[in-house]
């Protein structure tokens, strides 16, 4: 699924609803690559790689998680 402005969609969700949406998306589309943007650390549990991007759009940190 592609949205023109996914941040606008997610900004209207509370943390619990956002987690429910993400969990359902993971179940509905297993074994697919997903790019998730978030400011909530709790959402990182769904990620296998985390990239921190600075205000210039450059990757400044990469972490590989055990998920």
C-alpha atoms as a PDB file:
ATOM      1  CA  UNK A   1       0.000   0.000   0.000  1.00  0.00           C
ATOM      2  CA  UNK A   2       1.230   3.456  -0.829  1.00  0.00           C
ATOM      3  CA  UNK A   3      -0.179   6.627   0.631  1.00  0.00           C
ATOM      4  CA  UNK A   4       0.521  10.102  -0.623  1.00  0.00           C
ATOM      5  CA  UNK A   5       1.151  11.379   2.912  1.00  0.00           C
ATOM      6  CA  UNK A   6       1.342   8.485   5.418  1.00  0.00           C
ATOM      7  CA  UNK A   7       2.594  10.748   8.216  1.00  0.00           C
ATOM      8  CA  UNK A   8      -0.640  12.719   8.033  1.00  0.00           C
ATOM      9  CA  UNK A   9      -2.634   9.502   8.396  1.00  0.00           C
ATOM     10  CA  UNK A  10      -0.625   8.274  11.373  1.00  0.00           C
ATOM     11  CA  UNK A  11      -0.472  11.632  13.123  1.00  0.00           C
ATOM     12  CA  UNK A  12      -4.193  11.357  13.830  1.00  0.00           C
ATOM     13  CA  UNK A  13      -3.839   8.024  15.650  1.00  0.00           C
ATOM     14  CA  UNK A  14      -3.225   7.531  19.336  1.00  0.00           C
ATOM     15  CA  UNK A  15      -0.394   5.170  20.293  1.00  0.00           C
ATOM     16  CA  UNK A  16      -2.655   2.171  20.967  1.00  0.00           C
ATOM     17  CA  UNK A  17      -4.509   2.495  17.657  1.00  0.00           C
ATOM     18  CA  UNK A  18      -1.263   2.975  15.729  1.00  0.00           C
ATOM     19  CA  UNK A  19       0.120  -0.211  17.243  1.00  0.00           C
ATOM     20  CA  UNK A  20      -3.075  -2.112  16.373  1.00  0.00           C
ATOM     21  CA  UNK A  21      -2.918  -0.905  12.765  1.00  0.00           C
ATOM     22  CA  UNK A  22       0.749  -1.856  12.470  1.00  0.00           C
ATOM     23  CA  UNK A  23       0.245  -5.291  14.052  1.00  0.00           C
ATOM     24  CA  UNK A  24      -2.640  -6.018  11.672  1.00  0.00           C
ATOM     25  CA  UNK A  25      -0.575  -4.865   8.709  1.00  0.00           C
ATOM     26  CA  UNK A  26       2.228  -7.225   9.737  1.00  0.00           C
ATOM     27  CA  UNK A  27      -0.247 -10.141   9.866  1.00  0.00           C
ATOM     28  CA  UNK A  28      -1.937  -9.230   6.589  1.00  0.00           C
ATOM     29  CA  UNK A  29       1.332  -8.811   4.665  1.00  0.00           C
ATOM     30  CA  UNK A  30       3.889 -11.249   6.099  1.00  0.00           C
ATOM     31  CA  UNK A  31       7.324 -11.620   4.543  1.00  0.00           C
ATOM     32  CA  UNK A  32       7.219  -8.218   2.893  1.00  0.00           C
ATOM     33  CA  UNK A  33       9.568  -5.306   3.239  1.00  0.00           C
ATOM     34  CA  UNK A  34       7.952  -2.374   5.027  1.00  0.00           C
ATOM     35  CA  UNK A  35       9.300   1.086   5.603  1.00  0.00           C
ATOM     36  CA  UNK A  36       7.956   2.500   8.840  1.00  0.00           C
ATOM     37  CA  UNK A  37       8.410   6.080   9.965  1.00  0.00           C
ATOM     38  CA  UNK A  38       7.797   6.778  13.618  1.00  0.00           C
ATOM     39  CA  UNK A  39       8.726   8.945  16.552  1.00  0.00           C
ATOM     40  CA  UNK A  40       7.452   6.319  18.989  1.00  0.00           C
ATOM     41  CA  UNK A  41      10.144   3.954  20.268  1.00  0.00           C
ATOM     42  CA  UNK A  42       7.485   1.307  21.012  1.00  0.00           C
ATOM     43  CA  UNK A  43       6.946   0.848  17.250  1.00  0.00           C
ATOM     44  CA  UNK A  44      10.566  -0.199  16.757  1.00  0.00           C
ATOM     45  CA  UNK A  45       9.783  -3.701  18.043  1.00  0.00           C
ATOM     46  CA  UNK A  46       8.355  -4.460  14.592  1.00  0.00           C
ATOM     47  CA  UNK A  47      11.603  -3.531  12.840  1.00  0.00           C
ATOM     48  CA  UNK A  48      14.647  -5.619  11.950  1.00  0.00           C
ATOM     49  CA  UNK A  49      16.694  -2.609  10.840  1.00  0.00           C
ATOM     50  CA  UNK A  50      16.478   0.907  12.207  1.00  0.00           C
ATOM     51  CA  UNK A  51      17.976   3.899  10.435  1.00  0.00           C
ATOM     52  CA  UNK A  52      18.305   7.288  12.082  1.00  0.00           C
ATOM     53  CA  UNK A  53      18.126  10.071   9.526  1.00  0.00           C
ATOM     54  CA  UNK A  54      19.199  13.651  10.236  1.00  0.00           C
ATOM     55  CA  UNK A  55      17.470  16.843   9.113  1.00  0.00           C
ATOM     56  CA  UNK A  56      19.501  16.806   5.876  1.00  0.00           C
ATOM     57  CA  UNK A  57      18.197  13.355   4.943  1.00  0.00           C
ATOM     58  CA  UNK A  58      21.496  11.573   5.619  1.00  0.00           C
ATOM     59  CA  UNK A  59      21.639   8.240   7.450  1.00  0.00           C
ATOM     60  CA  UNK A  60      23.627   8.895  10.612  1.00  0.00           C
ATOM     61  CA  UNK A  61      23.053   5.576  12.396  1.00  0.00           C
ATOM     62  CA  UNK A  62      22.021   2.021  11.517  1.00  0.00           C
ATOM     63  CA  UNK A  63      21.001  -0.672  13.995  1.00  0.00           C
ATOM     64  CA  UNK A  64      20.092  -4.287  13.275  1.00  0.00           C
ATOM     65  CA  UNK A  65      17.672  -5.665  15.839  1.00  0.00           C
ATOM     66  CA  UNK A  66      16.822  -9.254  16.737  1.00  0.00           C
ATOM     67  CA  UNK A  67      13.206  -9.004  15.574  1.00  0.00           C
END
